[in-house]
Amino acid sequence: MDAVTNPGTPPDPPPPTAAPHRRRSTAGRTISTVLLVAVTAVLVLFVVFNTQSVRVSLVFGVVDLPLVVALVAAAVLGGLIIALLSVRARRRER
């Protein structure tokens, strides 16, 4: 008999799902940690090998900067432009 015809029967408990989720979380953390260490190592090597000074011509003048500073500034400005264009495109979709 089922729970509808026999109200005294307790419902079946849901199957346990905590153990597989915990394993994936631990594996995900391990992968994240390994990637973080690898990216950090690459960035440190990038800074160490790009210490020479370069002349950057800006609209308002000329500046001498370490190459790594010029490259990081260009990357940040590029990321900001992409983010602003993305926000603008999302607003147009509404």
PDB file of N, CA and C in Angstrom:
ATOM      1  N   MET A   1       0.833  -1.179   0.000  1.00  0.00           N
ATOM      2  CA  MET A   1       0.000   0.000   0.000  1.00  0.00           C
ATOM      3  C   MET A   1       0.878   1.243   0.000  1.00  0.00           C
ATOM      4  N   ASP A   2       0.380   2.300  -0.552  1.00  0.00           N
ATOM      5  CA  ASP A   2       1.180   3.517  -0.616  1.00  0.00           C
ATOM      6  C   ASP A   2       0.719   4.509   0.455  1.00  0.00           C
ATOM      7  N   ALA A   3       1.378   5.671   0.534  1.00  0.00           N
ATOM      8  CA  ALA A   3       1.113   6.663   1.573  1.00  0.00           C
ATOM      9  C   ALA A   3      -0.258   7.304   1.409  1.00  0.00           C
ATOM     10  N   VAL A   4      -0.830   7.280   0.215  1.00  0.00           N
ATOM     11  CA  VAL A   4      -2.137   7.899  -0.010  1.00  0.00           C
ATOM     12  C   VAL A   4      -3.235   7.060   0.637  1.00  0.00           C
ATOM     13  N   THR A   5      -3.175   5.739   0.495  1.00  0.00           N
ATOM     14  CA  THR A   5      -4.209   4.872   1.058  1.00  0.00           C
ATOM     15  C   THR A   5      -3.935   4.533   2.510  1.00  0.00           C
ATOM     16  N   ASN A   6      -2.686   4.613   2.944  1.00  0.00           N
ATOM     17  CA  ASN A   6      -2.341   4.292   4.326  1.00  0.00           C
ATOM     18  C   ASN A   6      -1.581   5.481   4.913  1.00  0.00           C
ATOM     19  N   PRO A   7      -2.279   6.440   5.564  1.00  0.00           N
ATOM     20  CA  PRO A   7      -1.622   7.650   6.067  1.00  0.00           C
ATOM     21  C   PRO A   7      -0.612   7.386   7.171  1.00  0.00           C
ATOM     22  N   GLY A   8      -0.591   6.231   7.770  1.00  0.00           N
ATOM     23  CA  GLY A   8       0.364   5.947   8.840  1.00  0.00           C
ATOM     24  C   GLY A   8       1.750   5.605   8.330  1.00  0.00           C
ATOM     25  N   THR A   9       1.934   5.404   7.018  1.00  0.00           N
ATOM     26  CA  THR A   9       3.228   5.047   6.453  1.00  0.00           C
ATOM     27  C   THR A   9       4.056   6.313   6.231  1.00  0.00           C
ATOM     28  N   PRO A  10       5.256   6.370   6.810  1.00  0.00           N
ATOM     29  CA  PRO A  10       6.099   7.568   6.585  1.00  0.00           C
ATOM     30  C   PRO A  10       6.627   7.582   5.155  1.00  0.00           C
ATOM     31  N   PRO A  11       6.829   8.776   4.585  1.00  0.00           N
ATOM     32  CA  PRO A  11       7.355   8.853   3.214  1.00  0.00           C
ATOM     33  C   PRO A  11       8.804   8.387   3.164  1.00  0.00           C
ATOM     34  N   ASP A  12       9.200   7.937   1.988  1.00  0.00           N
ATOM     35  CA  ASP A  12      10.584   7.489   1.801  1.00  0.00           C
ATOM     36  C   ASP A  12      11.528   8.676   1.941  1.00  0.00           C
ATOM     37  N   PRO A  13      12.660   8.502   2.651  1.00  0.00           N
ATOM     38  CA  PRO A  13      13.628   9.604   2.775  1.00  0.00           C
ATOM     39  C   PRO A  13      14.327   9.835   1.439  1.00  0.00           C
ATOM     40  N   PRO A  14      14.752  11.076   1.178  1.00  0.00           N
ATOM     41  CA  PRO A  14      15.464  11.338  -0.084  1.00  0.00           C
ATOM     42  C   PRO A  14      16.818  10.644  -0.078  1.00  0.00           C
ATOM     43  N   PRO A  15      17.323  10.269  -1.252  1.00  0.00           N
ATOM     44  CA  PRO A  15      18.629   9.598  -1.302  1.00  0.00           C
ATOM     45  C   PRO A  15      19.739  10.549  -0.872  1.00  0.00           C
ATOM     46  N   PRO A  16      20.772  10.021  -0.223  1.00  0.00           N
ATOM     47  CA  PRO A  16      21.884  10.885   0.215  1.00  0.00           C
ATOM     48  C   PRO A  16      22.659  11.407  -0.994  1.00  0.00           C
ATOM     49  N   THR A  17      22.975  12.695  -0.963  1.00  0.00           N
ATOM     50  CA  THR A  17      23.720  13.293  -2.076  1.00  0.00           C
ATOM     51  C   THR A  17      24.918  14.103  -1.596  1.00  0.00           C
ATOM     52  N   ALA A  18      25.202  14.134  -0.317  1.00  0.00           N
ATOM     53  CA  ALA A  18      26.263  14.990   0.222  1.00  0.00           C
ATOM     54  C   ALA A  18      27.659  14.490  -0.154  1.00  0.00           C
ATOM     55  N   ALA A  19      27.873  13.189  -0.166  1.00  0.00           N
ATOM     56  CA  ALA A  19      29.221  12.663  -0.384  1.00  0.00           C
ATOM     57  C   ALA A  19      29.775  12.996  -1.777  1.00  0.00           C
ATOM     58  N   PRO A  20      29.048  12.760  -2.883  1.00  0.00           N
ATOM     59  CA  PRO A  20      29.619  13.120  -4.188  1.00  0.00           C
ATOM     60  C   PRO A  20      29.847  14.617  -4.338  1.00  0.00           C
ATOM     61  N   HIS A  21      28.962  15.433  -3.766  1.00  0.00           N
ATOM     62  CA  HIS A  21      29.132  16.883  -3.840  1.00  0.00           C
ATOM     63  C   HIS A  21      30.414  17.312  -3.120  1.00  0.00           C
ATOM     64  N   ARG A  22      30.697  16.716  -1.999  1.00  0.00           N
ATOM     65  CA  ARG A  22      31.898  17.058  -1.234  1.00  0.00           C
ATOM     66  C   ARG A  22      33.150  16.698  -2.028  1.00  0.00           C
ATOM     67  N   ARG A  23      33.133  15.562  -2.720  1.00  0.00           N
ATOM     68  CA  ARG A  23      34.302  15.163  -3.510  1.00  0.00           C
ATOM     69  C   ARG A  23      34.558  16.140  -4.652  1.00  0.00           C
ATOM     70  N   ARG A  24      33.499  16.553  -5.343  1.00  0.00           N
ATOM     71  CA  ARG A  24      33.665  17.503  -6.430  1.00  0.00           C
ATOM     72  C   ARG A  24      34.162  18.840  -5.911  1.00  0.00           C
ATOM     73  N   SER A  25      33.690  19.254  -4.753  1.00  0.00           N
ATOM     74  CA  SER A  25      34.111  20.522  -4.176  1.00  0.00           C
ATOM     75  C   SER A  25      35.604  20.478  -3.838  1.00  0.00           C
ATOM     76  N   THR A  26      36.062  19.381  -3.276  1.00  0.00           N
ATOM     77  CA  THR A  26      37.481  19.246  -2.937  1.00  0.00           C
ATOM     78  C   THR A  26      38.327  19.220  -4.207  1.00  0.00           C
ATOM     79  N   ALA A  27      37.861  18.507  -5.227  1.00  0.00           N
ATOM     80  CA  ALA A  27      38.601  18.467  -6.494  1.00  0.00           C
ATOM     81  C   ALA A  27      38.619  19.849  -7.136  1.00  0.00           C
ATOM     82  N   GLY A  28      37.499  20.556  -7.067  1.00  0.00           N
ATOM     83  CA  GLY A  28      37.438  21.906  -7.615  1.00  0.00           C
ATOM     84  C   GLY A  28      38.382  22.850  -6.907  1.00  0.00           C
ATOM     85  N   ARG A  29      38.454  22.719  -5.601  1.00  0.00           N
ATOM     86  CA  ARG A  29      39.383  23.568  -4.829  1.00  0.00           C
ATOM     87  C   ARG A  29      40.824  23.253  -5.184  1.00  0.00           C
ATOM     88  N   THR A  30      41.123  21.987  -5.358  1.00  0.00           N
ATOM     89  CA  THR A  30      42.493  21.598  -5.710  1.00  0.00           C
ATOM     90  C   THR A  30      42.870  22.163  -7.080  1.00  0.00           C
ATOM     91  N   ILE A  31      41.969  22.036  -8.038  1.00  0.00           N
ATOM     92  CA  ILE A  31      42.239  22.569  -9.379  1.00  0.00           C
ATOM     93  C   ILE A  31      42.391  24.085  -9.329  1.00  0.00           C
ATOM     94  N   SER A  32      41.527  24.747  -8.566  1.00  0.00           N
ATOM     95  CA  SER A  32      41.620  26.206  -8.430  1.00  0.00           C
ATOM     96  C   SER A  32      42.945  26.621  -7.815  1.00  0.00           C
ATOM     97  N   THR A  33      43.380  25.904  -6.800  1.00  0.00           N
ATOM     98  CA  THR A  33      44.648  26.225  -6.143  1.00  0.00           C
ATOM     99  C   THR A  33      45.819  26.024  -7.095  1.00  0.00           C
ATOM    100  N   VAL A  34      45.809  24.940  -7.834  1.00  0.00           N
ATOM    101  CA  VAL A  34      46.891  24.673  -8.786  1.00  0.00           C
ATOM    102  C   VAL A  34      46.931  25.754  -9.867  1.00  0.00           C
ATOM    103  N   LEU A  35      45.749  26.130 -10.389  1.00  0.00           N
ATOM    104  CA  LEU A  35      45.707  27.186 -11.400  1.00  0.00           C
ATOM    105  C   LEU A  35      46.173  28.523 -10.840  1.00  0.00           C
ATOM    106  N   LEU A  36      45.783  28.831  -9.612  1.00  0.00           N
ATOM    107  CA  LEU A  36      46.214  30.082  -8.980  1.00  0.00           C
ATOM    108  C   LEU A  36      47.727  30.121  -8.832  1.00  0.00           C
ATOM    109  N   VAL A  37      48.323  29.031  -8.390  1.00  0.00           N
ATOM    110  CA  VAL A  37      49.778  28.978  -8.233  1.00  0.00           C
ATOM    111  C   VAL A  37      50.465  29.100  -9.595  1.00  0.00           C
ATOM    112  N   ALA A  38      49.935  28.433 -10.618  1.00  0.00           N
ATOM    113  CA  ALA A  38      50.536  28.493 -11.950  1.00  0.00           C
ATOM    114  C   ALA A  38      50.455  29.903 -12.530  1.00  0.00           C
ATOM    115  N   VAL A  39      49.296  30.542 -12.415  1.00  0.00           N
ATOM    116  CA  VAL A  39      49.142  31.895 -12.939  1.00  0.00           C
ATOM    117  C   VAL A  39      50.041  32.863 -12.177  1.00  0.00           C
ATOM    118  N   THR A  40      50.138  32.702 -10.867  1.00  0.00           N
ATOM    119  CA  THR A  40      51.011  33.564 -10.065  1.00  0.00           C
ATOM    120  C   THR A  40      52.464  33.400 -10.495  1.00  0.00           C
ATOM    121  N   ALA A  41      52.894  32.169 -10.720  1.00  0.00           N
ATOM    122  CA  ALA A  41      54.273  31.927 -11.156  1.00  0.00           C
ATOM    123  C   ALA A  41      54.544  32.572 -12.513  1.00  0.00           C
ATOM    124  N   VAL A  42      53.595  32.449 -13.442  1.00  0.00           N
ATOM    125  CA  VAL A  42      53.756  33.056 -14.759  1.00  0.00           C
ATOM    126  C   VAL A  42      53.829  34.569 -14.637  1.00  0.00           C
ATOM    127  N   LEU A  43      52.974  35.163 -13.802  1.00  0.00           N
ATOM    128  CA  LEU A  43      53.003  36.616 -13.621  1.00  0.00           C
ATOM    129  C   LEU A  43      54.310  37.093 -12.998  1.00  0.00           C
ATOM    130  N   VAL A  44      54.824  36.352 -12.028  1.00  0.00           N
ATOM    131  CA  VAL A  44      56.101  36.730 -11.411  1.00  0.00           C
ATOM    132  C   VAL A  44      57.218  36.661 -12.447  1.00  0.00           C
ATOM    133  N   LEU A  45      57.234  35.608 -13.257  1.00  0.00           N
ATOM    134  CA  LEU A  45      58.246  35.506 -14.314  1.00  0.00           C
ATOM    135  C   LEU A  45      58.088  36.629 -15.329  1.00  0.00           C
ATOM    136  N   PHE A  46      56.860  36.985 -15.648  1.00  0.00           N
ATOM    137  CA  PHE A  46      56.585  38.077 -16.571  1.00  0.00           C
ATOM    138  C   PHE A  46      57.173  39.385 -16.053  1.00  0.00           C
ATOM    139  N   VAL A  47      56.987  39.651 -14.777  1.00  0.00           N
ATOM    140  CA  VAL A  47      57.518  40.882 -14.176  1.00  0.00           C
ATOM    141  C   VAL A  47      59.046  40.849 -14.150  1.00  0.00           C
ATOM    142  N   VAL A  48      59.620  39.714 -13.797  1.00  0.00           N
ATOM    143  CA  VAL A  48      61.077  39.604 -13.696  1.00  0.00           C
ATOM    144  C   VAL A  48      61.748  39.802 -15.059  1.00  0.00           C
ATOM    145  N   PHE A  49      61.153  39.265 -16.127  1.00  0.00           N
ATOM    146  CA  PHE A  49      61.782  39.343 -17.442  1.00  0.00           C
ATOM    147  C   PHE A  49      61.433  40.609 -18.219  1.00  0.00           C
ATOM    148  N   ASN A  50      60.549  41.455 -17.703  1.00  0.00           N
ATOM    149  CA  ASN A  50      60.163  42.672 -18.413  1.00  0.00           C
ATOM    150  C   ASN A  50      60.451  43.916 -17.578  1.00  0.00           C
ATOM    151  N   THR A  51      61.671  44.035 -17.125  1.00  0.00           N
ATOM    152  CA  THR A  51      62.033  45.163 -16.271  1.00  0.00           C
ATOM    153  C   THR A  51      62.629  46.332 -17.049  1.00  0.00           C
ATOM    154  N   GLN A  52      62.940  46.140 -18.327  1.00  0.00           N
ATOM    155  CA  GLN A  52      63.537  47.243 -19.089  1.00  0.00           C
ATOM    156  C   GLN A  52      62.553  48.402 -19.203  1.00  0.00           C
ATOM    157  N   SER A  53      63.102  49.585 -19.348  1.00  0.00           N
ATOM    158  CA  SER A  53      62.295  50.791 -19.428  1.00  0.00           C
ATOM    159  C   SER A  53      61.960  51.098 -20.877  1.00  0.00           C
ATOM    160  N   VAL A  54      60.719  51.552 -21.097  1.00  0.00           N
ATOM    161  CA  VAL A  54      60.285  51.912 -22.448  1.00  0.00           C
ATOM    162  C   VAL A  54      59.708  53.323 -22.423  1.00  0.00           C
ATOM    163  N   ARG A  55      59.778  53.977 -23.562  1.00  0.00           N
ATOM    164  CA  ARG A  55      59.215  55.322 -23.692  1.00  0.00           C
ATOM    165  C   ARG A  55      57.799  55.199 -24.250  1.00  0.00           C
ATOM    166  N   VAL A  56      56.838  55.744 -23.496  1.00  0.00           N
ATOM    167  CA  VAL A  56      55.433  55.680 -23.898  1.00  0.00           C
ATOM    168  C   VAL A  56      54.986  57.090 -24.243  1.00  0.00           C
ATOM    169  N   SER A  57      54.485  57.251 -25.458  1.00  0.00           N
ATOM    170  CA  SER A  57      54.011  58.549 -25.913  1.00  0.00           C
ATOM    171  C   SER A  57      52.508  58.632 -25.669  1.00  0.00           C
ATOM    172  N   LEU A  58      52.115  59.532 -24.786  1.00  0.00           N
ATOM    173  CA  LEU A  58      50.715  59.741 -24.448  1.00  0.00           C
ATOM    174  C   LEU A  58      50.223  61.029 -25.084  1.00  0.00           C
ATOM    175  N   VAL A  59      48.940  61.280 -24.996  1.00  0.00           N
ATOM    176  CA  VAL A  59      48.364  62.487 -25.581  1.00  0.00           C
ATOM    177  C   VAL A  59      48.962  63.730 -24.921  1.00  0.00           C
ATOM    178  N   PHE A  60      49.181  63.672 -23.617  1.00  0.00           N
ATOM    179  CA  PHE A  60      49.639  64.843 -22.873  1.00  0.00           C
ATOM    180  C   PHE A  60      51.140  64.872 -22.637  1.00  0.00           C
ATOM    181  N   GLY A  61      51.887  63.926 -23.167  1.00  0.00           N
ATOM    182  CA  GLY A  61      53.334  63.943 -22.991  1.00  0.00           C
ATOM    183  C   GLY A  61      53.962  62.590 -23.233  1.00  0.00           C
ATOM    184  N   VAL A  62      55.241  62.510 -22.897  1.00  0.00           N
ATOM    185  CA  VAL A  62      56.010  61.277 -23.053  1.00  0.00           C
ATOM    186  C   VAL A  62      56.505  60.853 -21.680  1.00  0.00           C
ATOM    187  N   VAL A  63      56.398  59.546 -21.389  1.00  0.00           N
ATOM    188  CA  VAL A  63      56.816  59.020 -20.088  1.00  0.00           C
ATOM    189  C   VAL A  63      57.706  57.814 -20.293  1.00  0.00           C
ATOM    190  N   ASP A  64      58.685  57.646 -19.424  1.00  0.00           N
ATOM    191  CA  ASP A  64      59.509  56.444 -19.407  1.00  0.00           C
ATOM    192  C   ASP A  64      58.992  55.545 -18.287  1.00  0.00           C
ATOM    193  N   LEU A  65      58.579  54.329 -18.647  1.00  0.00           N
ATOM    194  CA  LEU A  65      58.001  53.372 -17.695  1.00  0.00           C
ATOM    195  C   LEU A  65      58.657  52.009 -17.862  1.00  0.00           C
ATOM    196  N   PRO A  66      58.645  51.196 -16.801  1.00  0.00           N
ATOM    197  CA  PRO A  66      59.030  49.792 -16.996  1.00  0.00           C
ATOM    198  C   PRO A  66      58.028  49.125 -17.952  1.00  0.00           C
ATOM    199  N   LEU A  67      58.503  48.240 -18.778  1.00  0.00           N
ATOM    200  CA  LEU A  67      57.659  47.587 -19.773  1.00  0.00           C
ATOM    201  C   LEU A  67      56.462  46.895 -19.136  1.00  0.00           C
ATOM    202  N   VAL A  68      56.658  46.252 -18.005  1.00  0.00           N
ATOM    203  CA  VAL A  68      55.571  45.529 -17.357  1.00  0.00           C
ATOM    204  C   VAL A  68      54.441  46.484 -16.952  1.00  0.00           C
ATOM    205  N   VAL A  69      54.778  47.682 -16.502  1.00  0.00           N
ATOM    206  CA  VAL A  69      53.752  48.655 -16.115  1.00  0.00           C
ATOM    207  C   VAL A  69      52.948  49.085 -17.343  1.00  0.00           C
ATOM    208  N   ALA A  70      53.634  49.326 -18.446  1.00  0.00           N
ATOM    209  CA  ALA A  70      52.947  49.726 -19.672  1.00  0.00           C
ATOM    210  C   ALA A  70      52.030  48.611 -20.175  1.00  0.00           C
ATOM    211  N   LEU A  71      52.485  47.372 -20.125  1.00  0.00           N
ATOM    212  CA  LEU A  71      51.665  46.255 -20.586  1.00  0.00           C
ATOM    213  C   LEU A  71      50.459  46.018 -19.686  1.00  0.00           C
ATOM    214  N   VAL A  72      50.659  46.088 -18.374  1.00  0.00           N
ATOM    215  CA  VAL A  72      49.540  45.895 -17.441  1.00  0.00           C
ATOM    216  C   VAL A  72      48.530  47.027 -17.597  1.00  0.00           C
ATOM    217  N   ALA A  73      48.993  48.259 -17.754  1.00  0.00           N
ATOM    218  CA  ALA A  73      48.081  49.387 -17.945  1.00  0.00           C
ATOM    219  C   ALA A  73      47.270  49.206 -19.230  1.00  0.00           C
ATOM    220  N   ALA A  74      47.906  48.755 -20.294  1.00  0.00           N
ATOM    221  CA  ALA A  74      47.192  48.520 -21.545  1.00  0.00           C
ATOM    222  C   ALA A  74      46.157  47.403 -21.385  1.00  0.00           C
ATOM    223  N   ALA A  75      46.507  46.351 -20.667  1.00  0.00           N
ATOM    224  CA  ALA A  75      45.575  45.245 -20.442  1.00  0.00           C
ATOM    225  C   ALA A  75      44.376  45.688 -19.604  1.00  0.00           C
ATOM    226  N   VAL A  76      44.630  46.480 -18.565  1.00  0.00           N
ATOM    227  CA  VAL A  76      43.538  46.969 -17.706  1.00  0.00           C
ATOM    228  C   VAL A  76      42.619  47.890 -18.502  1.00  0.00           C
ATOM    229  N   LEU A  77      43.189  48.793 -19.275  1.00  0.00           N
ATOM    230  CA  LEU A  77      42.360  49.680 -20.098  1.00  0.00           C
ATOM    231  C   LEU A  77      41.540  48.886 -21.120  1.00  0.00           C
ATOM    232  N   GLY A  78      42.124  47.890 -21.719  1.00  0.00           N
ATOM    233  CA  GLY A  78      41.392  47.038 -22.653  1.00  0.00           C
ATOM    234  C   GLY A  78      40.256  46.299 -21.973  1.00  0.00           C
ATOM    235  N   GLY A  79      40.506  45.784 -20.776  1.00  0.00           N
ATOM    236  CA  GLY A  79      39.458  45.103 -20.018  1.00  0.00           C
ATOM    237  C   GLY A  79      38.320  46.031 -19.645  1.00  0.00           C
ATOM    238  N   LEU A  80      38.655  47.267 -19.270  1.00  0.00           N
ATOM    239  CA  LEU A  80      37.611  48.243 -18.942  1.00  0.00           C
ATOM    240  C   LEU A  80      36.757  48.582 -20.160  1.00  0.00           C
ATOM    241  N   ILE A  81      37.396  48.729 -21.303  1.00  0.00           N
ATOM    242  CA  ILE A  81      36.646  49.029 -22.526  1.00  0.00           C
ATOM    243  C   ILE A  81      35.699  47.882 -22.861  1.00  0.00           C
ATOM    244  N   ILE A  82      36.174  46.647 -22.764  1.00  0.00           N
ATOM    245  CA  ILE A  82      35.327  45.482 -23.037  1.00  0.00           C
ATOM    246  C   ILE A  82      34.165  45.420 -22.049  1.00  0.00           C
ATOM    247  N   ALA A  83      34.426  45.677 -20.761  1.00  0.00           N
ATOM    248  CA  ALA A  83      33.366  45.644 -19.751  1.00  0.00           C
ATOM    249  C   ALA A  83      32.311  46.710 -20.027  1.00  0.00           C
ATOM    250  N   LEU A  84      32.748  47.908 -20.379  1.00  0.00           N
ATOM    251  CA  LEU A  84      31.794  48.981 -20.674  1.00  0.00           C
ATOM    252  C   LEU A  84      30.954  48.657 -21.909  1.00  0.00           C
ATOM    253  N   LEU A  85      31.573  48.113 -22.932  1.00  0.00           N
ATOM    254  CA  LEU A  85      30.820  47.728 -24.127  1.00  0.00           C
ATOM    255  C   LEU A  85      29.837  46.597 -23.824  1.00  0.00           C
ATOM    256  N   SER A  86      30.223  45.696 -22.945  1.00  0.00           N
ATOM    257  CA  SER A  86      29.343  44.597 -22.557  1.00  0.00           C
ATOM    258  C   SER A  86      28.120  45.123 -21.810  1.00  0.00           C
ATOM    259  N   VAL A  87      28.334  46.064 -20.889  1.00  0.00           N
ATOM    260  CA  VAL A  87      27.221  46.657 -20.143  1.00  0.00           C
ATOM    261  C   VAL A  87      26.296  47.399 -21.098  1.00  0.00           C
ATOM    262  N   ARG A  88      26.872  48.114 -22.027  1.00  0.00           N
ATOM    263  CA  ARG A  88      26.069  48.864 -23.002  1.00  0.00           C
ATOM    264  C   ARG A  88      25.225  47.921 -23.862  1.00  0.00           C
ATOM    265  N   ALA A  89      25.812  46.803 -24.283  1.00  0.00           N
ATOM    266  CA  ALA A  89      25.075  45.838 -25.101  1.00  0.00           C
ATOM    267  C   ALA A  89      23.937  45.204 -24.311  1.00  0.00           C
ATOM    268  N   ARG A  90      24.148  44.933 -23.036  1.00  0.00           N
ATOM    269  CA  ARG A  90      23.081  44.356 -22.203  1.00  0.00           C
ATOM    270  C   ARG A  90      21.921  45.326 -22.029  1.00  0.00           C
ATOM    271  N   ARG A  91      22.237  46.596 -21.883  1.00  0.00           N
ATOM    272  CA  ARG A  91      21.176  47.587 -21.730  1.00  0.00           C
ATOM    273  C   ARG A  91      20.356  47.720 -23.005  1.00  0.00           C
ATOM    274  N   ARG A  92      20.984  47.561 -24.146  1.00  0.00           N
ATOM    275  CA  ARG A  92      20.263  47.658 -25.429  1.00  0.00           C
ATOM    276  C   ARG A  92      19.312  46.483 -25.617  1.00  0.00           C
ATOM    277  N   GLU A  93      19.662  45.311 -25.063  1.00  0.00           N
ATOM    278  CA  GLU A  93      18.829  44.128 -25.198  1.00  0.00           C
ATOM    279  C   GLU A  93      17.519  44.260 -24.435  1.00  0.00           C
ATOM    280  N   ARG A  94      17.482  45.075 -23.425  1.00  0.00           N
ATOM    281  CA  ARG A  94      16.268  45.223 -22.603  1.00  0.00           C
ATOM    282  C   ARG A  94      15.267  45.988 -23.314  1.00  0.00           C
TER     283      ARG A  94
END
